[in-house]
PDB file of N, CA and C in Angstrom:
ATOM      1  N   MET A   1     134.421  -7.859  55.995  1.00  0.00           N
ATOM      2  CA  MET A   1     134.674  -9.248  56.327  1.00  0.00           C
ATOM      3  C   MET A   1     135.640  -9.871  55.322  1.00  0.00           C
ATOM      4  N   LEU A   2     135.444  -9.554  54.054  1.00  0.00           N
ATOM      5  CA  LEU A   2     136.323 -10.088  53.013  1.00  0.00           C
ATOM      6  C   LEU A   2     137.766  -9.630  53.222  1.00  0.00           C
ATOM      7  N   LEU A   3     137.922  -8.391  53.670  1.00  0.00           N
ATOM      8  CA  LEU A   3     139.261  -7.859  53.931  1.00  0.00           C
ATOM      9  C   LEU A   3     139.978  -8.678  54.994  1.00  0.00           C
ATOM     10  N   TYR A   4     139.260  -9.089  56.043  1.00  0.00           N
ATOM     11  CA  TYR A   4     139.870  -9.895  57.106  1.00  0.00           C
ATOM     12  C   TYR A   4     140.191 -11.309  56.628  1.00  0.00           C
ATOM     13  N   LEU A   5     139.349 -11.869  55.782  1.00  0.00           N
ATOM     14  CA  LEU A   5     139.635 -13.198  55.233  1.00  0.00           C
ATOM     15  C   LEU A   5     140.879 -13.164  54.345  1.00  0.00           C
ATOM     16  N   VAL A   6     140.972 -12.149  53.506  1.00  0.00           N
ATOM     17  CA  VAL A   6     142.146 -12.004  52.647  1.00  0.00           C
ATOM     18  C   VAL A   6     143.382 -11.728  53.495  1.00  0.00           C
ATOM     19  N   GLY A   7     143.240 -10.882  54.513  1.00  0.00           N
ATOM     20  CA  GLY A   7     144.359 -10.595  55.411  1.00  0.00           C
ATOM     21  C   GLY A   7     144.819 -11.835  56.150  1.00  0.00           C
ATOM     22  N   GLY A   8     143.888 -12.648  56.631  1.00  0.00           N
ATOM     23  CA  GLY A   8     144.236 -13.890  57.319  1.00  0.00           C
ATOM     24  C   GLY A   8     144.948 -14.873  56.413  1.00  0.00           C
ATOM     25  N   ALA A   9     144.473 -15.006  55.179  1.00  0.00           N
ATOM     26  CA  ALA A   9     145.124 -15.897  54.218  1.00  0.00           C
ATOM     27  C   ALA A   9     146.522 -15.386  53.878  1.00  0.00           C
ATOM     28  N   THR A  10     146.668 -14.082  53.752  1.00  0.00           N
ATOM     29  CA  THR A  10     147.978 -13.496  53.468  1.00  0.00           C
ATOM     30  C   THR A  10     148.958 -13.766  54.606  1.00  0.00           C
ATOM     31  N   VAL A  11     148.489 -13.624  55.825  1.00  0.00           N
ATOM     32  CA  VAL A  11     149.339 -13.884  56.989  1.00  0.00           C
ATOM     33  C   VAL A  11     149.752 -15.352  57.028  1.00  0.00           C
ATOM     34  N   PHE A  12     148.817 -16.255  56.783  1.00  0.00           N
ATOM     35  CA  PHE A  12     149.112 -17.687  56.822  1.00  0.00           C
ATOM     36  C   PHE A  12     150.143 -18.069  55.764  1.00  0.00           C
ATOM     37  N   VAL A  13     149.914 -17.655  54.539  1.00  0.00           N
ATOM     38  CA  VAL A  13     150.848 -17.987  53.452  1.00  0.00           C
ATOM     39  C   VAL A  13     152.182 -17.264  53.650  1.00  0.00           C
ATOM     40  N   GLY A  14     152.125 -15.995  54.011  1.00  0.00           N
ATOM     41  CA  GLY A  14     153.357 -15.233  54.213  1.00  0.00           C
ATOM     42  C   GLY A  14     154.218 -15.796  55.324  1.00  0.00           C
ATOM     43  N   SER A  15     153.598 -16.212  56.422  1.00  0.00           N
ATOM     44  CA  SER A  15     154.355 -16.809  57.524  1.00  0.00           C
ATOM     45  C   SER A  15     155.041 -18.085  57.086  1.00  0.00           C
ATOM     46  N   GLY A  16     154.325 -18.916  56.356  1.00  0.00           N
ATOM     47  CA  GLY A  16     154.907 -20.181  55.897  1.00  0.00           C
ATOM     48  C   GLY A  16     156.061 -19.982  54.942  1.00  0.00           C
ATOM     49  N   VAL A  17     155.877 -19.117  53.967  1.00  0.00           N
ATOM     50  CA  VAL A  17     156.928 -18.882  52.970  1.00  0.00           C
ATOM     51  C   VAL A  17     158.158 -18.249  53.620  1.00  0.00           C
ATOM     52  N   MET A  18     157.941 -17.249  54.461  1.00  0.00           N
ATOM     53  CA  MET A  18     159.079 -16.576  55.088  1.00  0.00           C
ATOM     54  C   MET A  18     159.793 -17.499  56.076  1.00  0.00           C
ATOM     55  N   ALA A  19     159.051 -18.349  56.784  1.00  0.00           N
ATOM     56  CA  ALA A  19     159.691 -19.293  57.711  1.00  0.00           C
ATOM     57  C   ALA A  19     160.544 -20.295  56.945  1.00  0.00           C
ATOM     58  N   MET A  20     160.072 -20.743  55.790  1.00  0.00           N
ATOM     59  CA  MET A  20     160.865 -21.665  54.971  1.00  0.00           C
ATOM     60  C   MET A  20     162.148 -21.001  54.494  1.00  0.00           C
ATOM     61  N   ALA A  21     162.099 -19.698  54.303  1.00  0.00           N
ATOM     62  CA  ALA A  21     163.283 -18.964  53.859  1.00  0.00           C
ATOM     63  C   ALA A  21     164.191 -18.595  55.035  1.00  0.00           C
ATOM     64  N   GLY A  22     163.725 -18.846  56.262  1.00  0.00           N
ATOM     65  CA  GLY A  22     164.529 -18.520  57.434  1.00  0.00           C
ATOM     66  C   GLY A  22     164.409 -17.077  57.859  1.00  0.00           C
ATOM     67  N   LEU A  23     163.352 -16.415  57.430  1.00  0.00           N
ATOM     68  CA  LEU A  23     163.145 -15.000  57.754  1.00  0.00           C
ATOM     69  C   LEU A  23     161.852 -14.824  58.531  1.00  0.00           C
ATOM     70  N   GLY A  24     161.801 -13.782  59.312  1.00  0.00           N
ATOM     71  CA  GLY A  24     160.553 -13.402  59.939  1.00  0.00           C
ATOM     72  C   GLY A  24     159.771 -12.510  58.993  1.00  0.00           C
ATOM     73  N   ALA A  25     158.471 -12.522  59.125  1.00  0.00           N
ATOM     74  CA  ALA A  25     157.642 -11.733  58.228  1.00  0.00           C
ATOM     75  C   ALA A  25     157.020 -10.521  58.919  1.00  0.00           C
ATOM     76  N   ALA A  26     157.554 -10.136  60.063  1.00  0.00           N
ATOM     77  CA  ALA A  26     156.973  -9.006  60.803  1.00  0.00           C
ATOM     78  C   ALA A  26     157.008  -7.733  59.974  1.00  0.00           C
ATOM     79  N   PHE A  27     158.045  -7.567  59.165  1.00  0.00           N
ATOM     80  CA  PHE A  27     158.137  -6.354  58.353  1.00  0.00           C
ATOM     81  C   PHE A  27     157.007  -6.276  57.329  1.00  0.00           C
ATOM     82  N   LEU A  28     156.379  -7.403  57.005  1.00  0.00           N
ATOM     83  CA  LEU A  28     155.218  -7.399  56.112  1.00  0.00           C
ATOM     84  C   LEU A  28     153.914  -7.257  56.891  1.00  0.00           C
ATOM     85  N   PHE A  29     153.872  -7.877  58.076  1.00  0.00           N
ATOM     86  CA  PHE A  29     152.615  -7.930  58.806  1.00  0.00           C
ATOM     87  C   PHE A  29     152.300  -6.659  59.570  1.00  0.00           C
ATOM     88  N   VAL A  30     153.296  -5.938  60.027  1.00  0.00           N
ATOM     89  CA  VAL A  30     153.016  -4.702  60.773  1.00  0.00           C
ATOM     90  C   VAL A  30     152.223  -3.720  59.906  1.00  0.00           C
ATOM     91  N   PRO A  31     152.658  -3.421  58.670  1.00  0.00           N
ATOM     92  CA  PRO A  31     151.838  -2.515  57.845  1.00  0.00           C
ATOM     93  C   PRO A  31     150.465  -3.094  57.507  1.00  0.00           C
ATOM     94  N   LEU A  32     150.402  -4.421  57.296  1.00  0.00           N
ATOM     95  CA  LEU A  32     149.110  -5.050  56.995  1.00  0.00           C
ATOM     96  C   LEU A  32     148.154  -4.890  58.167  1.00  0.00           C
ATOM     97  N   PHE A  33     148.613  -5.215  59.371  1.00  0.00           N
ATOM     98  CA  PHE A  33     147.759  -5.090  60.547  1.00  0.00           C
ATOM     99  C   PHE A  33     147.370  -3.632  60.786  1.00  0.00           C
ATOM    100  N   PHE A  34     148.328  -2.722  60.602  1.00  0.00           N
ATOM    101  CA  PHE A  34     148.045  -1.301  60.782  1.00  0.00           C
ATOM    102  C   PHE A  34     146.976  -0.846  59.789  1.00  0.00           C
ATOM    103  N   TYR A  35     147.060  -1.325  58.559  1.00  0.00           N
ATOM    104  CA  TYR A  35     146.063  -0.996  57.538  1.00  0.00           C
ATOM    105  C   TYR A  35     144.683  -1.533  57.927  1.00  0.00           C
ATOM    106  N   LEU A  36     144.670  -2.690  58.601  1.00  0.00           N
ATOM    107  CA  LEU A  36     143.405  -3.284  59.025  1.00  0.00           C
ATOM    108  C   LEU A  36     142.834  -2.625  60.272  1.00  0.00           C
ATOM    109  N   GLY A  37     143.529  -1.602  60.811  1.00  0.00           N
ATOM    110  CA  GLY A  37     143.003  -0.845  61.926  1.00  0.00           C
ATOM    111  C   GLY A  37     143.558  -1.216  63.286  1.00  0.00           C
ATOM    112  N   VAL A  38     144.561  -2.090  63.315  1.00  0.00           N
ATOM    113  CA  VAL A  38     145.168  -2.470  64.591  1.00  0.00           C
ATOM    114  C   VAL A  38     146.152  -1.370  64.988  1.00  0.00           C
ATOM    115  N   PRO A  39     146.119  -0.908  66.240  1.00  0.00           N
ATOM    116  CA  PRO A  39     147.090   0.110  66.679  1.00  0.00           C
ATOM    117  C   PRO A  39     148.526  -0.380  66.482  1.00  0.00           C
ATOM    118  N   LEU A  40     149.437   0.548  66.249  1.00  0.00           N
ATOM    119  CA  LEU A  40     150.810   0.203  65.876  1.00  0.00           C
ATOM    120  C   LEU A  40     151.492  -0.690  66.906  1.00  0.00           C
ATOM    121  N   GLY A  41     151.341  -0.400  68.185  1.00  0.00           N
ATOM    122  CA  GLY A  41     151.975  -1.228  69.215  1.00  0.00           C
ATOM    123  C   GLY A  41     151.465  -2.656  69.208  1.00  0.00           C
ATOM    124  N   GLN A  42     150.163  -2.826  69.046  1.00  0.00           N
ATOM    125  CA  GLN A  42     149.578  -4.168  69.002  1.00  0.00           C
ATOM    126  C   GLN A  42     149.929  -4.872  67.699  1.00  0.00           C
ATOM    127  N   ALA A  43     149.988  -4.132  66.605  1.00  0.00           N
ATOM    128  CA  ALA A  43     150.366  -4.730  65.322  1.00  0.00           C
ATOM    129  C   ALA A  43     151.790  -5.266  65.374  1.00  0.00           C
ATOM    130  N   THR A  44     152.681  -4.506  65.990  1.00  0.00           N
ATOM    131  CA  THR A  44     154.073  -4.935  66.120  1.00  0.00           C
ATOM    132  C   THR A  44     154.172  -6.181  66.992  1.00  0.00           C
ATOM    133  N   SER A  45     153.481  -6.174  68.118  1.00  0.00           N
ATOM    134  CA  SER A  45     153.520  -7.320  69.027  1.00  0.00           C
ATOM    135  C   SER A  45     152.950  -8.570  68.373  1.00  0.00           C
ATOM    136  N   ALA A  46     151.836  -8.433  67.686  1.00  0.00           N
ATOM    137  CA  ALA A  46     151.223  -9.586  67.021  1.00  0.00           C
ATOM    138  C   ALA A  46     152.125 -10.130  65.916  1.00  0.00           C
ATOM    139  N   ALA A  47     152.745  -9.249  65.161  1.00  0.00           N
ATOM    140  CA  ALA A  47     153.635  -9.688  64.087  1.00  0.00           C
ATOM    141  C   ALA A  47     154.852 -10.427  64.637  1.00  0.00           C
ATOM    142  N   LEU A  48     155.399  -9.939  65.744  1.00  0.00           N
ATOM    143  CA  LEU A  48     156.543 -10.616  66.348  1.00  0.00           C
ATOM    144  C   LEU A  48     156.145 -11.956  66.953  1.00  0.00           C
ATOM    145  N   LEU A  49     154.934 -12.057  67.495  1.00  0.00           N
ATOM    146  CA  LEU A  49     154.453 -13.342  67.997  1.00  0.00           C
ATOM    147  C   LEU A  49     154.303 -14.334  66.842  1.00  0.00           C
ATOM    148  N   LEU A  50     153.774 -13.875  65.723  1.00  0.00           N
ATOM    149  CA  LEU A  50     153.677 -14.744  64.542  1.00  0.00           C
ATOM    150  C   LEU A  50     155.052 -15.213  64.093  1.00  0.00           C
ATOM    151  N   ASN A  51     156.044 -14.327  64.138  1.00  0.00           N
ATOM    152  CA  ASN A  51     157.419 -14.725  63.806  1.00  0.00           C
ATOM    153  C   ASN A  51     157.886 -15.843  64.720  1.00  0.00           C
ATOM    154  N   ALA A  52     157.669 -15.671  66.016  1.00  0.00           N
ATOM    155  CA  ALA A  52     158.132 -16.665  66.987  1.00  0.00           C
ATOM    156  C   ALA A  52     157.483 -18.027  66.734  1.00  0.00           C
ATOM    157  N   VAL A  53     156.189 -18.027  66.469  1.00  0.00           N
ATOM    158  CA  VAL A  53     155.485 -19.292  66.249  1.00  0.00           C
ATOM    159  C   VAL A  53     155.933 -19.956  64.948  1.00  0.00           C
ATOM    160  N   SER A  54     155.947 -19.216  63.857  1.00  0.00           N
ATOM    161  CA  SER A  54     156.293 -19.817  62.573  1.00  0.00           C
ATOM    162  C   SER A  54     157.756 -20.239  62.516  1.00  0.00           C
ATOM    163  N   LEU A  55     158.653 -19.427  63.061  1.00  0.00           N
ATOM    164  CA  LEU A  55     160.068 -19.795  63.038  1.00  0.00           C
ATOM    165  C   LEU A  55     160.379 -20.928  64.009  1.00  0.00           C
ATOM    166  N   SER A  56     159.616 -21.046  65.093  1.00  0.00           N
ATOM    167  CA  SER A  56     159.790 -22.195  65.988  1.00  0.00           C
ATOM    168  C   SER A  56     159.392 -23.485  65.287  1.00  0.00           C
ATOM    169  N   ALA A  57     158.281 -23.445  64.571  1.00  0.00           N
ATOM    170  CA  ALA A  57     157.852 -24.631  63.815  1.00  0.00           C
ATOM    171  C   ALA A  57     158.880 -24.993  62.741  1.00  0.00           C
ATOM    172  N   ALA A  58     159.421 -23.991  62.077  1.00  0.00           N
ATOM    173  CA  ALA A  58     160.438 -24.247  61.057  1.00  0.00           C
ATOM    174  C   ALA A  58     161.707 -24.808  61.684  1.00  0.00           C
ATOM    175  N   THR A  59     162.082 -24.295  62.847  1.00  0.00           N
ATOM    176  CA  THR A  59     163.275 -24.791  63.539  1.00  0.00           C
ATOM    177  C   THR A  59     163.113 -26.261  63.902  1.00  0.00           C
ATOM    178  N   ILE A  60     161.948 -26.641  64.395  1.00  0.00           N
ATOM    179  CA  ILE A  60     161.701 -28.045  64.745  1.00  0.00           C
ATOM    180  C   ILE A  60     161.814 -28.931  63.504  1.00  0.00           C
ATOM    181  N   ALA A  61     161.229 -28.478  62.400  1.00  0.00           N
ATOM    182  CA  ALA A  61     161.297 -29.273  61.169  1.00  0.00           C
ATOM    183  C   ALA A  61     162.734 -29.404  60.667  1.00  0.00           C
ATOM    184  N   TYR A  62     163.483 -28.320  60.673  1.00  0.00           N
ATOM    185  CA  TYR A  62     164.872 -28.368  60.222  1.00  0.00           C
ATOM    186  C   TYR A  62     165.740 -29.193  61.179  1.00  0.00           C
ATOM    187  N   ALA A  63     165.461 -29.124  62.484  1.00  0.00           N
ATOM    188  CA  ALA A  63     166.229 -29.912  63.452  1.00  0.00           C
ATOM    189  C   ALA A  63     165.972 -31.404  63.253  1.00  0.00           C
ATOM    190  N   ARG A  64     164.740 -31.774  63.024  1.00  0.00           N
ATOM    191  CA  ARG A  64     164.418 -33.188  62.782  1.00  0.00           C
ATOM    192  C   ARG A  64     165.102 -33.711  61.533  1.00  0.00           C
ATOM    193  N   ALA A  65     165.263 -32.832  60.547  1.00  0.00           N
ATOM    194  CA  ALA A  65     165.922 -33.244  59.297  1.00  0.00           C
ATOM    195  C   ALA A  65     167.443 -33.172  59.415  1.00  0.00           C
ATOM    196  N   GLY A  66     167.962 -32.712  60.548  1.00  0.00           N
ATOM    197  CA  GLY A  66     169.410 -32.627  60.748  1.00  0.00           C
ATOM    198  C   GLY A  66     170.081 -31.522  59.944  1.00  0.00           C
ATOM    199  N   LEU A  67     169.366 -30.450  59.689  1.00  0.00           N
ATOM    200  CA  LEU A  67     169.872 -29.368  58.845  1.00  0.00           C
ATOM    201  C   LEU A  67     170.371 -28.161  59.629  1.00  0.00           C
ATOM    202  N   ILE A  68     170.512 -28.279  60.940  1.00  0.00           N
ATOM    203  CA  ILE A  68     170.945 -27.150  61.760  1.00  0.00           C
ATOM    204  C   ILE A  68     172.369 -27.382  62.250  1.00  0.00           C
ATOM    205  N   ASP A  69     173.208 -26.383  62.085  1.00  0.00           N
ATOM    206  CA  ASP A  69     174.566 -26.415  62.623  1.00  0.00           C
ATOM    207  C   ASP A  69     174.501 -25.858  64.041  1.00  0.00           C
ATOM    208  N   TRP A  70     174.332 -26.742  65.021  1.00  0.00           N
ATOM    209  CA  TRP A  70     174.128 -26.326  66.405  1.00  0.00           C
ATOM    210  C   TRP A  70     175.346 -25.609  66.975  1.00  0.00           C
ATOM    211  N   ARG A  71     176.550 -25.989  66.557  1.00  0.00           N
ATOM    212  CA  ARG A  71     177.757 -25.355  67.093  1.00  0.00           C
ATOM    213  C   ARG A  71     177.841 -23.890  66.690  1.00  0.00           C
ATOM    214  N   ALA A  72     177.269 -23.529  65.572  1.00  0.00           N
ATOM    215  CA  ALA A  72     177.242 -22.123  65.162  1.00  0.00           C
ATOM    216  C   ALA A  72     175.991 -21.414  65.684  1.00  0.00           C
ATOM    217  N   GLY A  73     174.882 -22.128  65.756  1.00  0.00           N
ATOM    218  CA  GLY A  73     173.618 -21.503  66.115  1.00  0.00           C
ATOM    219  C   GLY A  73     173.431 -21.205  67.585  1.00  0.00           C
ATOM    220  N   VAL A  74     173.904 -22.089  68.461  1.00  0.00           N
ATOM    221  CA  VAL A  74     173.678 -21.895  69.894  1.00  0.00           C
ATOM    222  C   VAL A  74     174.371 -20.639  70.428  1.00  0.00           C
ATOM    223  N   PRO A  75     175.637 -20.365  70.079  1.00  0.00           N
ATOM    224  CA  PRO A  75     176.236 -19.103  70.559  1.00  0.00           C
ATOM    225  C   PRO A  75     175.494 -17.857  70.058  1.00  0.00           C
ATOM    226  N   VAL A  76     175.005 -17.900  68.825  1.00  0.00           N
ATOM    227  CA  VAL A  76     174.237 -16.768  68.297  1.00  0.00           C
ATOM    228  C   VAL A  76     172.930 -16.624  69.076  1.00  0.00           C
ATOM    229  N   LEU A  77     172.284 -17.731  69.375  1.00  0.00           N
ATOM    230  CA  LEU A  77     171.045 -17.707  70.143  1.00  0.00           C
ATOM    231  C   LEU A  77     171.273 -17.119  71.531  1.00  0.00           C
ATOM    232  N   ILE A  78     172.334 -17.566  72.204  1.00  0.00           N
ATOM    233  CA  ILE A  78     172.633 -17.066  73.546  1.00  0.00           C
ATOM    234  C   ILE A  78     172.918 -15.559  73.518  1.00  0.00           C
ATOM    235  N   ALA A  79     173.710 -15.122  72.552  1.00  0.00           N
ATOM    236  CA  ALA A  79     174.016 -13.693  72.441  1.00  0.00           C
ATOM    237  C   ALA A  79     172.756 -12.881  72.156  1.00  0.00           C
ATOM    238  N   ALA A  80     171.881 -13.384  71.298  1.00  0.00           N
ATOM    239  CA  ALA A  80     170.653 -12.661  70.973  1.00  0.00           C
ATOM    240  C   ALA A  80     169.748 -12.523  72.186  1.00  0.00           C
ATOM    241  N   VAL A  81     169.625 -13.597  72.964  1.00  0.00           N
ATOM    242  CA  VAL A  81     168.772 -13.550  74.150  1.00  0.00           C
ATOM    243  C   VAL A  81     169.351 -12.603  75.201  1.00  0.00           C
ATOM    244  N   LEU A  82     170.652 -12.671  75.407  1.00  0.00           N
ATOM    245  CA  LEU A  82     171.269 -11.819  76.426  1.00  0.00           C
ATOM    246  C   LEU A  82     171.288 -10.344  76.034  1.00  0.00           C
ATOM    247  N   LEU A  83     171.405 -10.051  74.739  1.00  0.00           N
ATOM    248  CA  LEU A  83     171.487  -8.661  74.294  1.00  0.00           C
ATOM    249  C   LEU A  83     170.135  -8.047  73.920  1.00  0.00           C
ATOM    250  N   ALA A  84     169.064  -8.830  73.943  1.00  0.00           N
ATOM    251  CA  ALA A  84     167.742  -8.304  73.595  1.00  0.00           C
ATOM    252  C   ALA A  84     167.315  -7.139  74.479  1.00  0.00           C
ATOM    253  N   PRO A  85     167.516  -7.198  75.795  1.00  0.00           N
ATOM    254  CA  PRO A  85     167.131  -6.031  76.618  1.00  0.00           C
ATOM    255  C   PRO A  85     167.914  -4.772  76.266  1.00  0.00           C
ATOM    256  N   VAL A  86     169.162  -4.937  75.878  1.00  0.00           N
ATOM    257  CA  VAL A  86     169.965  -3.775  75.477  1.00  0.00           C
ATOM    258  C   VAL A  86     169.372  -3.153  74.213  1.00  0.00           C
ATOM    259  N   GLY A  87     169.025  -3.995  73.250  1.00  0.00           N
ATOM    260  CA  GLY A  87     168.417  -3.498  72.020  1.00  0.00           C
ATOM    261  C   GLY A  87     167.086  -2.818  72.268  1.00  0.00           C
ATOM    262  N   ALA A  88     166.289  -3.383  73.172  1.00  0.00           N
ATOM    263  CA  ALA A  88     164.997  -2.773  73.495  1.00  0.00           C
ATOM    264  C   ALA A  88     165.186  -1.413  74.153  1.00  0.00           C
ATOM    265  N   ALA A  89     166.162  -1.308  75.044  1.00  0.00           N
ATOM    266  CA  ALA A  89     166.417  -0.028  75.715  1.00  0.00           C
ATOM    267  C   ALA A  89     166.920   1.018  74.728  1.00  0.00           C
ATOM    268  N   LEU A  90     167.765   0.605  73.798  1.00  0.00           N
ATOM    269  CA  LEU A  90     168.278   1.552  72.803  1.00  0.00           C
ATOM    270  C   LEU A  90     167.197   1.962  71.812  1.00  0.00           C
ATOM    271  N   THR A  91     166.314   1.047  71.471  1.00  0.00           N
ATOM    272  CA  THR A  91     165.239   1.359  70.532  1.00  0.00           C
ATOM    273  C   THR A  91     164.309   2.417  71.108  1.00  0.00           C
ATOM    274  N   ALA A  92     164.084   2.381  72.401  1.00  0.00           N
ATOM    275  CA  ALA A  92     163.218   3.376  73.047  1.00  0.00           C
ATOM    276  C   ALA A  92     163.791   4.778  72.931  1.00  0.00           C
ATOM    277  N   GLN A  93     165.085   4.900  72.708  1.00  0.00           N
ATOM    278  CA  GLN A  93     165.741   6.200  72.611  1.00  0.00           C
ATOM    279  C   GLN A  93     165.742   6.770  71.193  1.00  0.00           C
ATOM    280  N   VAL A  94     165.392   5.951  70.194  1.00  0.00           N
ATOM    281  CA  VAL A  94     165.432   6.377  68.799  1.00  0.00           C
ATOM    282  C   VAL A  94     164.182   7.176  68.464  1.00  0.00           C
ATOM    283  N   ASP A  95     164.357   8.269  67.748  1.00  0.00           N
ATOM    284  CA  ASP A  95     163.234   9.096  67.314  1.00  0.00           C
ATOM    285  C   ASP A  95     162.379   8.312  66.325  1.00  0.00           C
ATOM    286  N   ARG A  96     161.075   8.246  66.566  1.00  0.00           N
ATOM    287  CA  ARG A  96     160.168   7.472  65.721  1.00  0.00           C
ATOM    288  C   ARG A  96     160.179   7.957  64.272  1.00  0.00           C
ATOM    289  N   SER A  97     160.412   9.232  64.050  1.00  0.00           N
ATOM    290  CA  SER A  97     160.408   9.749  62.676  1.00  0.00           C
ATOM    291  C   SER A  97     161.558   9.174  61.858  1.00  0.00           C
ATOM    292  N   LEU A  98     162.633   8.722  62.515  1.00  0.00           N
ATOM    293  CA  LEU A  98     163.720   8.078  61.793  1.00  0.00           C
ATOM    294  C   LEU A  98     163.343   6.671  61.354  1.00  0.00           C
ATOM    295  N   LEU A  99     162.492   6.006  62.139  1.00  0.00           N
ATOM    296  CA  LEU A  99     162.092   4.639  61.832  1.00  0.00           C
ATOM    297  C   LEU A  99     160.957   4.571  60.828  1.00  0.00           C
ATOM    298  N   LEU A 100     160.113   5.579  60.823  1.00  0.00           N
ATOM    299  CA  LEU A 100     158.948   5.599  59.936  1.00  0.00           C
ATOM    300  C   LEU A 100     158.968   6.869  59.089  1.00  0.00           C
ATOM    301  N   PRO A 101     159.799   6.923  58.068  1.00  0.00           N
ATOM    302  CA  PRO A 101     159.929   8.164  57.306  1.00  0.00           C
ATOM    303  C   PRO A 101     158.808   8.409  56.306  1.00  0.00           C
ATOM    304  N   SER A 102     157.743   7.633  56.335  1.00  0.00           N
ATOM    305  CA  SER A 102     156.661   7.821  55.373  1.00  0.00           C
ATOM    306  C   SER A 102     155.677   8.879  55.869  1.00  0.00           C
ATOM    307  N   SER A 103     154.654   9.093  55.096  1.00  0.00           N
ATOM    308  CA  SER A 103     153.652  10.092  55.463  1.00  0.00           C
ATOM    309  C   SER A 103     152.790   9.635  56.626  1.00  0.00           C
ATOM    310  N   SER A 104     152.872   8.360  57.004  1.00  0.00           N
ATOM    311  CA  SER A 104     152.055   7.865  58.109  1.00  0.00           C
ATOM    312  C   SER A 104     152.683   8.142  59.467  1.00  0.00           C
ATOM    313  N   VAL A 105     153.825   8.825  59.499  1.00  0.00           N
ATOM    314  CA  VAL A 105     154.498   9.089  60.774  1.00  0.00           C
ATOM    315  C   VAL A 105     153.600   9.892  61.692  1.00  0.00           C
ATOM    316  N   SER A 106     152.973  10.919  61.166  1.00  0.00           N
ATOM    317  CA  SER A 106     152.142  11.757  62.027  1.00  0.00           C
ATOM    318  C   SER A 106     150.963  10.986  62.593  1.00  0.00           C
ATOM    319  N   SER A 107     150.353  10.107  61.802  1.00  0.00           N
ATOM    320  CA  SER A 107     149.206   9.343  62.316  1.00  0.00           C
ATOM    321  C   SER A 107     149.680   8.283  63.290  1.00  0.00           C
ATOM    322  N   CYS A 108     150.885   7.714  63.098  1.00  0.00           N
ATOM    323  CA  CYS A 108     151.397   6.693  64.017  1.00  0.00           C
ATOM    324  C   CYS A 108     151.788   7.300  65.340  1.00  0.00           C
ATOM    325  N   SER A 109     152.372   8.483  65.313  1.00  0.00           N
ATOM    326  CA  SER A 109     152.847   9.072  66.558  1.00  0.00           C
ATOM    327  C   SER A 109     151.690   9.572  67.417  1.00  0.00           C
ATOM    328  N   ARG A 110     150.509   9.775  66.824  1.00  0.00           N
ATOM    329  CA  ARG A 110     149.360  10.215  67.606  1.00  0.00           C
ATOM    330  C   ARG A 110     148.541   9.059  68.142  1.00  0.00           C
ATOM    331  N   ALA A 111     148.878   7.831  67.761  1.00  0.00           N
ATOM    332  CA  ALA A 111     148.116   6.677  68.232  1.00  0.00           C
ATOM    333  C   ALA A 111     148.285   6.513  69.731  1.00  0.00           C
ATOM    334  N   PRO A 112     147.213   6.096  70.428  1.00  0.00           N
ATOM    335  CA  PRO A 112     147.314   5.954  71.887  1.00  0.00           C
ATOM    336  C   PRO A 112     148.203   4.810  72.298  1.00  0.00           C
TER     337      PRO A 112
END
């Protein structure tokens, strides 16, 4: 139980700090969730959802403060949304051992 409380506090603080820096924290949360016993696919999805929520809140705060250059950001946003399916299709073709070169590759590749 203590492990989950510490993990939850880490996620909360990490999301806030990384959102303030303009970064997603999925690269931190995927290993944390995996360590807590969440399957790799679900850990990745949950971490990306946390990114979306925390970065959306940060975007609203920065927009209210007038700190966003919309003329530069909107074209990048449109390109990212339109090219996301291409990136997802290409990612499916990449060998998992190239993405996870640690000793946990064998345990990750056997996960259901």
